[in-house]
Amino acid sequence: MYDLGLTDKVAVITGGSNGIGKATALALAREGAAVAVCARGEEALEEAAREVRAATEGRVLAVRADVSNADDVKSFIRKVADTYGGIDILVNNAGTAAGNAFENVTDEAWQADLDLKLFGAIRTSRLVIPYMKARGGGRIINITMIGGKQPGPRSAPSSVSRAAGIALTKEMSKDLARDNILVNTVCIGVVKSGQQDRNAMSSYSGVALDEAYRQMGGSIPLGRVGETAEAASVILFLASKMASYVTGTSINIDGGASGVV
């Protein structure tokens, strides 16, 4: 069994109340990291924190925060640092899928999407960097999507904000390498989550969720929809000492669905 070097590391995860964020919190806590999660929905966030604590007996701090609100982000990061004494890992996971034809996307929808996904990552990253420098390095992992590399029809504004997140990853990796802060992104395809449950049920009405996912998986080369734990495992690797020479990269977690690497 590999030692991932995560014992007593402090990991911040935005959008940590369900899906990939919750699975990542669980994976990191199992490896001995102290975890701090935030989300907009306080009830779901507290329930997720209770589940992670029960499964791992680990340290889990849950703070209601909206990453599109700069004051919320400042308060969240300050509370994490005050509680744990520093920050080593940031997983920028907050975001929801939003897709429409370009001509139907309003200025308000564009702004809301960019504030949540792009500026949310900018705000949290900017605030954690001083703590990482004080520790001698750190890891920032931005959760984006395969549509950011290869946008499809009716994918605005999400594909555009995610493309910006991929570019942000590369730029930050260049600026922060000298401080031993490694910055990478994982580009998500179809992975089970609460949001994906709703998409599956609306796309395949009249069937059970498992059957909807089975049909959805038919268009994916591996023949199935991904599990949140599979995404969390890749994020865990990037956060660990095993990825000590990996920065500025993007990894597709999509079962082979993307047409680009």
Foldseek 3Di string as FASTA:
>chain_A
DDLQALAAAEEEEEPQLKFLNLLLLLVSLQSHYAYEYEEQDPVSQVVSQVVSCVVRVGHYHYDYAQLLDLVRLVVRVVVSCVVSVFHAEYEYDWADFAFAAPVPQDPVNLSVRLSRQVVSLVSNVVVRVVRQLVVQEHEYEYEAALCLVPPDGRRPPRNVSRVVVLVVQLVVCVVCVVSLYAGEYEHEAFEDMPNSLVVLCVVDPPDDSVVSQQVVQCQAQQRGGHYSNVVSVVVSNRRGVVCSPDHSYYHYPHNRNHPDD
